[in-house]
C-alpha atoms as a PDB file:
ATOM      1  CA  MET A   1      97.561 101.131  89.155  1.00  0.00           C
ATOM      2  CA  SER A   2      96.259 104.652  89.088  1.00  0.00           C
ATOM      3  CA  ILE A   3      98.361 107.283  90.950  1.00  0.00           C
ATOM      4  CA  LEU A   4      95.617 107.928  93.515  1.00  0.00           C
ATOM      5  CA  HIS A   5      95.363 104.223  94.277  1.00  0.00           C
ATOM      6  CA  LYS A   6      98.986 103.813  94.435  1.00  0.00           C
ATOM      7  CA  ILE A   7      99.298 106.585  97.067  1.00  0.00           C
ATOM      8  CA  ASN A   8      96.494 105.025  99.104  1.00  0.00           C
ATOM      9  CA  VAL A   9      98.088 101.504  99.002  1.00  0.00           C
ATOM     10  CA  LEU A  10     101.591 102.818  99.996  1.00  0.00           C
ATOM     11  CA  ARG A  11     100.417 105.458 102.542  1.00  0.00           C
ATOM     12  CA  ASP A  12     101.658 103.595 105.543  1.00  0.00           C
ATOM     13  CA  LEU A  13     105.122 103.338 104.144  1.00  0.00           C
ATOM     14  CA  PHE A  14     105.579 107.047 103.904  1.00  0.00           C
ATOM     15  CA  SER A  15     107.357 109.322 106.182  1.00  0.00           C
ATOM     16  CA  PRO A  16     105.350 111.838 108.378  1.00  0.00           C
ATOM     17  CA  GLY A  17     105.849 114.634 105.839  1.00  0.00           C
ATOM     18  CA  GLU A  18     105.073 112.355 102.972  1.00  0.00           C
ATOM     19  CA  LYS A  19     101.801 111.333 104.687  1.00  0.00           C
ATOM     20  CA  LEU A  20     100.819 115.037 104.993  1.00  0.00           C
ATOM     21  CA  LEU A  21     101.206 115.270 101.153  1.00  0.00           C
ATOM     22  CA  ALA A  22      99.408 111.968 100.613  1.00  0.00           C
ATOM     23  CA  ASP A  23      96.385 112.819 102.723  1.00  0.00           C
ATOM     24  CA  PHE A  24      96.058 116.314 101.235  1.00  0.00           C
ATOM     25  CA  ILE A  25      96.245 114.816  97.668  1.00  0.00           C
ATOM     26  CA  LEU A  26      93.746 112.014  98.334  1.00  0.00           C
ATOM     27  CA  SER A  27      91.335 114.515  99.898  1.00  0.00           C
ATOM     28  CA  ASN A  28      91.750 117.199  97.223  1.00  0.00           C
ATOM     29  CA  PRO A  29      92.740 115.527  94.007  1.00  0.00           C
ATOM     30  CA  ASP A  30      90.844 118.168  91.763  1.00  0.00           C
ATOM     31  CA  GLN A  31      92.595 121.022  93.416  1.00  0.00           C
ATOM     32  CA  ILE A  32      96.033 119.612  92.791  1.00  0.00           C
ATOM     33  CA  ARG A  33      95.593 119.914  89.015  1.00  0.00           C
ATOM     34  CA  TYR A  34      95.591 123.705  89.331  1.00  0.00           C
ATOM     35  CA  MET A  35      98.504 123.982  91.908  1.00  0.00           C
ATOM     36  CA  SER A  36     102.157 124.629  91.379  1.00  0.00           C
ATOM     37  CA  SER A  37     104.544 122.453  93.492  1.00  0.00           C
ATOM     38  CA  ARG A  38     105.249 125.625  95.559  1.00  0.00           C
ATOM     39  CA  THR A  39     101.482 126.166  96.304  1.00  0.00           C
ATOM     40  CA  LEU A  40     101.023 122.470  97.144  1.00  0.00           C
ATOM     41  CA  ALA A  41     104.063 122.556  99.493  1.00  0.00           C
ATOM     42  CA  GLU A  42     102.651 125.615 101.372  1.00  0.00           C
ATOM     43  CA  THR A  43      99.173 124.326 101.588  1.00  0.00           C
ATOM     44  CA  ALA A  44     100.178 120.993 102.787  1.00  0.00           C
ATOM     45  CA  GLY A  45     102.830 122.389 105.266  1.00  0.00           C
ATOM     46  CA  VAL A  46     105.978 120.877 103.786  1.00  0.00           C
ATOM     47  CA  SER A  47     108.915 122.083 101.592  1.00  0.00           C
ATOM     48  CA  GLN A  48     108.900 122.428  97.928  1.00  0.00           C
ATOM     49  CA  ALA A  49     111.762 119.868  97.595  1.00  0.00           C
ATOM     50  CA  SER A  50     109.633 117.374  99.679  1.00  0.00           C
ATOM     51  CA  VAL A  51     106.989 117.698  97.086  1.00  0.00           C
ATOM     52  CA  VAL A  52     109.171 116.914  94.156  1.00  0.00           C
ATOM     53  CA  LYS A  53     110.840 114.025  96.075  1.00  0.00           C
ATOM     54  CA  PHE A  54     107.435 112.619  96.827  1.00  0.00           C
ATOM     55  CA  THR A  55     106.361 112.710  93.195  1.00  0.00           C
ATOM     56  CA  GLN A  56     109.566 110.974  92.166  1.00  0.00           C
ATOM     57  CA  LYS A  57     109.140 108.279  94.846  1.00  0.00           C
ATOM     58  CA  LEU A  58     105.881 107.436  93.318  1.00  0.00           C
ATOM     59  CA  GLY A  59     107.687 106.787  89.953  1.00  0.00           C
ATOM     60  CA  ASN A  60     107.279 110.156  88.190  1.00  0.00           C
ATOM     61  CA  LYS A  61     110.091 112.150  86.798  1.00  0.00           C
ATOM     62  CA  GLY A  62     108.968 115.244  88.642  1.00  0.00           C
ATOM     63  CA  TYR A  63     105.950 117.296  89.663  1.00  0.00           C
ATOM     64  CA  THR A  64     104.691 117.841  86.010  1.00  0.00           C
ATOM     65  CA  ASP A  65     104.616 114.199  85.380  1.00  0.00           C
ATOM     66  CA  PHE A  66     102.757 113.623  88.623  1.00  0.00           C
ATOM     67  CA  LYS A  67     100.043 116.079  87.522  1.00  0.00           C
ATOM     68  CA  PHE A  68      99.702 114.209  84.186  1.00  0.00           C
ATOM     69  CA  ALA A  69      99.381 111.015  86.066  1.00  0.00           C
ATOM     70  CA  LEU A  70      96.857 112.585  88.457  1.00  0.00           C
ATOM     71  CA  ASN A  71      94.621 113.837  85.534  1.00  0.00           C
ATOM     72  CA  ASP A  72      94.786 110.273  84.081  1.00  0.00           C
ATOM     73  CA  SER A  73      93.671 108.921  87.501  1.00  0.00           C
ATOM     74  CA  LEU A  74      90.861 111.391  87.778  1.00  0.00           C
ATOM     75  CA  HIS A  75      89.817 110.630  84.222  1.00  0.00           C
ATOM     76  CA  GLN A  76      89.656 106.981  84.769  1.00  0.00           C
ATOM     77  CA  THR A  77      87.157 107.554  87.741  1.00  0.00           C
ATOM     78  CA  THR A  78      84.810 109.741  85.872  1.00  0.00           C
ATOM     79  CA  GLU A  79      84.672 108.445  82.360  1.00  0.00           C
ATOM     80  CA  LYS A  80      82.114 105.725  81.493  1.00  0.00           C
ATOM     81  CA  PRO A  81      84.432 102.748  80.747  1.00  0.00           C
ATOM     82  CA  SER A  82      83.738  99.860  78.262  1.00  0.00           C
ATOM     83  CA  VAL A  83      83.129  96.453  79.592  1.00  0.00           C
ATOM     84  CA  GLN A  84      86.096  95.661  81.660  1.00  0.00           C
ATOM     85  CA  LEU A  85      87.613  92.191  81.393  1.00  0.00           C
ATOM     86  CA  HIS A  86      90.646  92.392  83.686  1.00  0.00           C
ATOM     87  CA  GLY A  87      92.083  95.643  85.229  1.00  0.00           C
ATOM     88  CA  GLN A  88      92.479  98.301  82.576  1.00  0.00           C
ATOM     89  CA  ILE A  89      91.899  95.851  79.820  1.00  0.00           C
ATOM     90  CA  SER A  90      88.475  96.224  78.205  1.00  0.00           C
ATOM     91  CA  LEU A  91      86.415  94.054  75.892  1.00  0.00           C
ATOM     92  CA  ASP A  92      87.077  96.757  72.985  1.00  0.00           C
ATOM     93  CA  ASP A  93      90.857  96.560  73.153  1.00  0.00           C
ATOM     94  CA  ASN A  94      92.729  95.029  70.203  1.00  0.00           C
ATOM     95  CA  PHE A  95      95.467  92.531  70.588  1.00  0.00           C
ATOM     96  CA  ASP A  96      98.440  95.075  70.799  1.00  0.00           C
ATOM     97  CA  VAL A  97      96.673  97.217  73.304  1.00  0.00           C
ATOM     98  CA  THR A  98      95.660  94.211  75.413  1.00  0.00           C
ATOM     99  CA  ALA A  99      99.231  92.925  75.358  1.00  0.00           C
ATOM    100  CA  ASP A 100     100.713  96.286  76.226  1.00  0.00           C
ATOM    101  CA  LYS A 101      98.248  96.951  79.059  1.00  0.00           C
ATOM    102  CA  LEU A 102      98.771  93.519  80.602  1.00  0.00           C
ATOM    103  CA  VAL A 103     102.632  93.900  80.446  1.00  0.00           C
ATOM    104  CA  ALA A 104     102.409  97.403  82.000  1.00  0.00           C
ATOM    105  CA  SER A 105     100.083  96.117  84.816  1.00  0.00           C
ATOM    106  CA  LYS A 106     102.420  93.304  85.542  1.00  0.00           C
ATOM    107  CA  VAL A 107     105.495  95.582  85.733  1.00  0.00           C
ATOM    108  CA  THR A 108     103.726  97.946  88.045  1.00  0.00           C
ATOM    109  CA  VAL A 109     102.578  95.138  90.351  1.00  0.00           C
ATOM    110  CA  LEU A 110     106.144  93.747  90.467  1.00  0.00           C
ATOM    111  CA  HIS A 111     107.599  97.087  91.294  1.00  0.00           C
ATOM    112  CA  ASN A 112     105.006  97.801  94.034  1.00  0.00           C
ATOM    113  CA  THR A 113     105.372  94.404  95.520  1.00  0.00           C
ATOM    114  CA  ARG A 114     109.020  94.733  95.652  1.00  0.00           C
ATOM    115  CA  ALA A 115     108.776  98.195  97.354  1.00  0.00           C
ATOM    116  CA  ILE A 116     106.620  97.056 100.325  1.00  0.00           C
ATOM    117  CA  ASN A 117     108.636  93.805 101.327  1.00  0.00           C
ATOM    118  CA  SER A 118     111.873  94.828 103.184  1.00  0.00           C
ATOM    119  CA  GLN A 119     115.001  92.938 103.204  1.00  0.00           C
ATOM    120  CA  GLN A 120     114.685  92.305 106.962  1.00  0.00           C
ATOM    121  CA  THR A 121     111.316  90.644 106.469  1.00  0.00           C
ATOM    122  CA  PHE A 122     112.586  88.414 103.647  1.00  0.00           C
ATOM    123  CA  GLU A 123     115.533  87.309 105.677  1.00  0.00           C
ATOM    124  CA  LEU A 124     113.444  86.635 108.719  1.00  0.00           C
ATOM    125  CA  ALA A 125     111.196  84.423 106.604  1.00  0.00           C
ATOM    126  CA  CYS A 126     114.153  82.614 105.171  1.00  0.00           C
ATOM    127  CA  GLN A 127     115.581  81.927 108.628  1.00  0.00           C
ATOM    128  CA  LYS A 128     112.304  80.465 109.754  1.00  0.00           C
ATOM    129  CA  LEU A 129     112.132  78.263 106.662  1.00  0.00           C
ATOM    130  CA  LEU A 130     115.659  77.018 107.080  1.00  0.00           C
ATOM    131  CA  THR A 131     115.202  76.078 110.791  1.00  0.00           C
ATOM    132  CA  ALA A 132     111.804  74.489 110.596  1.00  0.00           C
ATOM    133  CA  LYS A 133     111.528  70.813 111.024  1.00  0.00           C
ATOM    134  CA  ARG A 134     108.535  70.461 108.837  1.00  0.00           C
ATOM    135  CA  ILE A 135     106.796  72.948 106.490  1.00  0.00           C
ATOM    136  CA  MET A 136     103.263  72.855 105.253  1.00  0.00           C
ATOM    137  CA  LEU A 137     102.018  75.374 102.646  1.00  0.00           C
ATOM    138  CA  CYS A 138      98.437  76.032 102.094  1.00  0.00           C
ATOM    139  CA  GLY A 139      96.213  78.177  99.848  1.00  0.00           C
ATOM    140  CA  ILE A 140      92.864  77.861  98.123  1.00  0.00           C
ATOM    141  CA  GLY A 141      92.170  78.350  94.439  1.00  0.00           C
ATOM    142  CA  ALA A 142      94.903  80.157  92.541  1.00  0.00           C
ATOM    143  CA  SER A 143      96.854  80.646  95.740  1.00  0.00           C
ATOM    144  CA  ALA A 144      97.089  76.786  95.971  1.00  0.00           C
ATOM    145  CA  LEU A 145      98.969  76.847  92.519  1.00  0.00           C
ATOM    146  CA  VAL A 146     101.561  79.213  94.057  1.00  0.00           C
ATOM    147  CA  ALA A 147     101.884  77.125  97.208  1.00  0.00           C
ATOM    148  CA  ARG A 148     102.513  74.153  95.090  1.00  0.00           C
ATOM    149  CA  ASP A 149     105.136  76.014  93.171  1.00  0.00           C
ATOM    150  CA  LEU A 150     107.028  77.104  96.403  1.00  0.00           C
ATOM    151  CA  THR A 151     106.689  73.571  97.801  1.00  0.00           C
ATOM    152  CA  LEU A 152     108.526  72.092  94.782  1.00  0.00           C
ATOM    153  CA  LYS A 153     111.246  74.756  95.111  1.00  0.00           C
ATOM    154  CA  LEU A 154     111.717  74.002  98.917  1.00  0.00           C
ATOM    155  CA  GLN A 155     111.828  70.243  98.252  1.00  0.00           C
ATOM    156  CA  LYS A 156     114.716  70.835  95.717  1.00  0.00           C
ATOM    157  CA  LEU A 157     116.535  72.447  98.628  1.00  0.00           C
ATOM    158  CA  GLY A 158     116.102  69.334 100.745  1.00  0.00           C
ATOM    159  CA  MET A 159     113.400  70.833 102.938  1.00  0.00           C
ATOM    160  CA  ALA A 160     110.575  68.757 104.387  1.00  0.00           C
ATOM    161  CA  ALA A 161     107.745  70.698 102.748  1.00  0.00           C
ATOM    162  CA  LEU A 162     104.337  69.570 101.578  1.00  0.00           C
ATOM    163  CA  THR A 163     101.294  71.229 100.269  1.00  0.00           C
ATOM    164  CA  GLU A 164      97.675  70.502 100.696  1.00  0.00           C
ATOM    165  CA  SER A 165      94.522  72.313  99.313  1.00  0.00           C
ATOM    166  CA  ASP A 166      92.077  70.221 101.173  1.00  0.00           C
ATOM    167  CA  THR A 167      91.145  71.984 104.527  1.00  0.00           C
ATOM    168  CA  HIS A 168      90.418  68.671 106.426  1.00  0.00           C
ATOM    169  CA  VAL A 169      93.860  67.436 105.589  1.00  0.00           C
ATOM    170  CA  GLN A 170      95.381  70.666 106.445  1.00  0.00           C
ATOM    171  CA  LEU A 171      93.808  70.601 109.826  1.00  0.00           C
ATOM    172  CA  ALA A 172      94.866  66.971 110.464  1.00  0.00           C
ATOM    173  CA  ASN A 173      98.444  67.715 109.597  1.00  0.00           C
ATOM    174  CA  VAL A 174      98.616  70.884 111.637  1.00  0.00           C
ATOM    175  CA  ALA A 175      97.192  69.122 114.629  1.00  0.00           C
ATOM    176  CA  ASN A 176     100.430  67.103 114.911  1.00  0.00           C
ATOM    177  CA  TYR A 177     102.673  70.125 114.321  1.00  0.00           C
ATOM    178  CA  SER A 178     104.489  72.051 117.140  1.00  0.00           C
ATOM    179  CA  GLN A 179     106.642  75.133 117.581  1.00  0.00           C
ATOM    180  CA  ASP A 180     109.473  73.506 115.615  1.00  0.00           C
ATOM    181  CA  ASP A 181     107.238  73.445 112.488  1.00  0.00           C
ATOM    182  CA  LEU A 182     105.975  76.081 110.174  1.00  0.00           C
ATOM    183  CA  LEU A 183     102.846  76.913 108.331  1.00  0.00           C
ATOM    184  CA  PHE A 184     103.182  79.016 105.190  1.00  0.00           C
ATOM    185  CA  VAL A 185      99.824  80.643 104.338  1.00  0.00           C
ATOM    186  CA  ILE A 186      99.046  82.114 100.979  1.00  0.00           C
ATOM    187  CA  SER A 187      95.894  84.112 100.474  1.00  0.00           C
ATOM    188  CA  GLU A 188      95.333  87.433  98.497  1.00  0.00           C
ATOM    189  CA  SER A 189      92.506  88.471 100.471  1.00  0.00           C
ATOM    190  CA  GLY A 190      93.811  87.335 103.778  1.00  0.00           C
ATOM    191  CA  GLU A 191      90.206  86.477 104.623  1.00  0.00           C
ATOM    192  CA  THR A 192      89.771  83.006 103.072  1.00  0.00           C
ATOM    193  CA  PRO A 193      87.644  81.136 105.828  1.00  0.00           C
ATOM    194  CA  GLU A 194      89.238  77.667 105.178  1.00  0.00           C
ATOM    195  CA  VAL A 195      92.883  79.148 105.407  1.00  0.00           C
ATOM    196  CA  ILE A 196      91.973  81.244 108.517  1.00  0.00           C
ATOM    197  CA  ALA A 197      90.699  77.988 110.263  1.00  0.00           C
ATOM    198  CA  THR A 198      93.955  76.316 109.554  1.00  0.00           C
ATOM    199  CA  ALA A 199      95.993  79.184 110.700  1.00  0.00           C
ATOM    200  CA  LYS A 200      94.178  79.503 113.934  1.00  0.00           C
ATOM    201  CA  HIS A 201      94.685  75.809 114.596  1.00  0.00           C
ATOM    202  CA  ALA A 202      98.347  76.261 114.029  1.00  0.00           C
ATOM    203  CA  ARG A 203      98.531  79.328 116.149  1.00  0.00           C
ATOM    204  CA  ALA A 204      96.718  77.296 118.981  1.00  0.00           C
ATOM    205  CA  ASN A 205      99.513  74.656 118.691  1.00  0.00           C
ATOM    206  CA  GLN A 206     102.254  77.359 118.634  1.00  0.00           C
ATOM    207  CA  VAL A 207     103.237  76.556 115.126  1.00  0.00           C
ATOM    208  CA  GLN A 208     105.240  79.347 113.358  1.00  0.00           C
ATOM    209  CA  ILE A 209     103.341  81.076 110.634  1.00  0.00           C
ATOM    210  CA  ILE A 210     104.503  82.961 107.582  1.00  0.00           C
ATOM    211  CA  SER A 211     101.723  84.653 105.609  1.00  0.00           C
ATOM    212  CA  LEU A 212     101.672  85.997 102.052  1.00  0.00           C
ATOM    213  CA  THR A 213      98.600  88.218 101.693  1.00  0.00           C
ATOM    214  CA  GLY A 214      97.506  91.322  99.879  1.00  0.00           C
ATOM    215  CA  TYR A 215      98.894  94.543 101.484  1.00  0.00           C
ATOM    216  CA  GLY A 216      97.238  95.768 104.669  1.00  0.00           C
ATOM    217  CA  SER A 217      95.988  94.276 107.900  1.00  0.00           C
ATOM    218  CA  ASN A 218      93.783  91.161 107.559  1.00  0.00           C
ATOM    219  CA  SER A 219      92.817  88.205 109.540  1.00  0.00           C
ATOM    220  CA  ILE A 220      95.657  85.867 108.417  1.00  0.00           C
ATOM    221  CA  SER A 221      98.452  88.425 108.651  1.00  0.00           C
ATOM    222  CA  ARG A 222      97.324  89.224 112.170  1.00  0.00           C
ATOM    223  CA  LEU A 223      97.922  85.420 113.091  1.00  0.00           C
ATOM    224  CA  ALA A 224     101.386  85.374 111.346  1.00  0.00           C
ATOM    225  CA  ASP A 225     104.860  85.752 112.887  1.00  0.00           C
ATOM    226  CA  VAL A 226     106.209  86.971 109.615  1.00  0.00           C
ATOM    227  CA  CYS A 227     104.041  88.953 106.991  1.00  0.00           C
ATOM    228  CA  LEU A 228     104.956  89.134 103.427  1.00  0.00           C
ATOM    229  CA  HIS A 229     102.704  91.204 101.181  1.00  0.00           C
ATOM    230  CA  THR A 230     101.582  91.798  97.513  1.00  0.00           C
ATOM    231  CA  VAL A 231     100.078  94.788  95.927  1.00  0.00           C
ATOM    232  CA  ALA A 232      97.777  93.809  93.049  1.00  0.00           C
ATOM    233  CA  ASP A 233      95.160  96.242  91.825  1.00  0.00           C
ATOM    234  CA  GLU A 234      92.474  93.918  90.930  1.00  0.00           C
ATOM    235  CA  THR A 235      89.281  95.679  92.296  1.00  0.00           C
ATOM    236  CA  SER A 236      87.520  95.516  89.071  1.00  0.00           C
ATOM    237  CA  ALA A 237      85.909  92.609  87.257  1.00  0.00           C
ATOM    238  CA  ARG A 238      88.559  90.058  86.308  1.00  0.00           C
ATOM    239  CA  LEU A 239      89.063  86.806  84.397  1.00  0.00           C
ATOM    240  CA  SER A 240      91.310  85.379  87.157  1.00  0.00           C
ATOM    241  CA  SER A 241      93.756  86.455  89.709  1.00  0.00           C
ATOM    242  CA  ILE A 242      96.341  87.271  87.142  1.00  0.00           C
ATOM    243  CA  LEU A 243      98.172  90.191  88.812  1.00  0.00           C
ATOM    244  CA  ALA A 244      97.904  88.654  92.396  1.00  0.00           C
ATOM    245  CA  ARG A 245      99.544  85.559  91.210  1.00  0.00           C
ATOM    246  CA  THR A 246     102.349  87.599  89.376  1.00  0.00           C
ATOM    247  CA  ALA A 247     102.951  89.358  92.732  1.00  0.00           C
ATOM    248  CA  GLN A 248     102.944  86.123  94.733  1.00  0.00           C
ATOM    249  CA  GLU A 249     105.373  84.490  92.375  1.00  0.00           C
ATOM    250  CA  LEU A 250     107.695  87.349  92.683  1.00  0.00           C
ATOM    251  CA  VAL A 251     107.724  86.825  96.532  1.00  0.00           C
ATOM    252  CA  ILE A 252     108.310  83.156  96.415  1.00  0.00           C
ATOM    253  CA  ASP A 253     111.022  83.386  93.740  1.00  0.00           C
ATOM    254  CA  THR A 254     112.805  85.891  95.913  1.00  0.00           C
ATOM    255  CA  LEU A 255     112.582  83.649  98.775  1.00  0.00           C
ATOM    256  CA  PHE A 256     113.978  80.700  96.727  1.00  0.00           C
ATOM    257  CA  ILE A 257     116.923  82.582  95.546  1.00  0.00           C
ATOM    258  CA  LEU A 258     117.759  83.915  99.090  1.00  0.00           C
ATOM    259  CA  LEU A 259     117.474  80.398 100.487  1.00  0.00           C
ATOM    260  CA  THR A 260     119.723  79.050  97.716  1.00  0.00           C
ATOM    261  CA  GLN A 261     122.291  81.849  98.507  1.00  0.00           C
ATOM    262  CA  SER A 262     122.304  81.186 102.337  1.00  0.00           C
ATOM    263  CA  SER A 263     122.392  77.383 102.381  1.00  0.00           C
ATOM    264  CA  ASP A 264     125.408  75.339 101.173  1.00  0.00           C
ATOM    265  CA  LYS A 265     123.448  72.220 101.900  1.00  0.00           C
ATOM    266  CA  GLY A 266     120.556  73.545  99.835  1.00  0.00           C
ATOM    267  CA  ARG A 267     122.661  74.331  96.885  1.00  0.00           C
ATOM    268  CA  LYS A 268     124.180  70.852  96.890  1.00  0.00           C
ATOM    269  CA  MET A 269     120.694  69.333  96.958  1.00  0.00           C
ATOM    270  CA  LEU A 270     119.545  71.629  94.181  1.00  0.00           C
ATOM    271  CA  GLU A 271     122.536  70.643  92.062  1.00  0.00           C
ATOM    272  CA  ALA A 272     121.627  66.998  92.748  1.00  0.00           C
ATOM    273  CA  SER A 273     117.924  67.507  91.735  1.00  0.00           C
ATOM    274  CA  ASN A 274     119.006  69.249  88.479  1.00  0.00           C
ATOM    275  CA  GLN A 275     121.556  66.554  87.699  1.00  0.00           C
ATOM    276  CA  ALA A 276     118.888  63.836  88.124  1.00  0.00           C
ATOM    277  CA  LEU A 277     116.783  65.425  85.578  1.00  0.00           C
ATOM    278  CA  LEU A 278     119.790  65.846  83.114  1.00  0.00           C
ATOM    279  CA  ASP A 279     120.628  62.189  83.590  1.00  0.00           C
ATOM    280  CA  TYR A 280     116.991  61.161  82.900  1.00  0.00           C
ATOM    281  CA  ARG A 281     116.814  63.249  79.668  1.00  0.00           C
ATOM    282  CA  ALA A 282     120.146  61.834  78.543  1.00  0.00           C
ATOM    283  CA  ALA A 283     119.079  58.312  79.136  1.00  0.00           C
ATOM    284  CA  ALA A 284     115.712  58.879  77.341  1.00  0.00           C
ATOM    285  CA  ARG A 285     117.376  59.996  74.112  1.00  0.00           C
END
């Protein structure tokens, strides 16, 4: 993710002073390259220390590193790229470059997704999952695979969870759900028509909703009681939702670990599930 895109995505999480800096940088990226940290501070109306802290918050060692990152970001937007396969990976990249770029992009996505989801939000999501009578998870396409993964994890903890990718079945199930039940919706765009229809039906029945969508306001998150988010820079042509799925998996794995930590019953159920697999493997030898 380029530094300019990162600033734009994380803007709503900044303090008032940081937002002043963010807005000035986004509006005048070419000028920043020729400014000292002191000049930028005076122009934006903040302290020089605030400028340095802001650049460090973005993952840079200091202001100089930030300017290098900004130059790279501007270069990416002006140069004519080769055919892009996925994110920064191009058709001309060799194996080592491709692998390194993919690892770097995944690490960035993981850090950014971790940064935008607060402990309080995770804990509230866990509380609703633990107290729900029934849990239905839904998603379309690649998100359906993530929904299936979380369903299996919840089932191992003894929760009454199921997943369904067929919209008709989703609607039929939600029609019999109530405020004691929960719908967990996964959609990177937050605008998948089929999933929106299910979420709206659930909201009409007062079913609790947890959403996992891309960062920002969208149709699905506006229907949810608890909003979890991902940050995946996949605006360019892509082979599949690689980075979005990486971010989604981080969120559901974090939920699974927190649920395991907070539930004695869940831990016992998980141990029983694991033991059943061990017994099966031992008997099959």
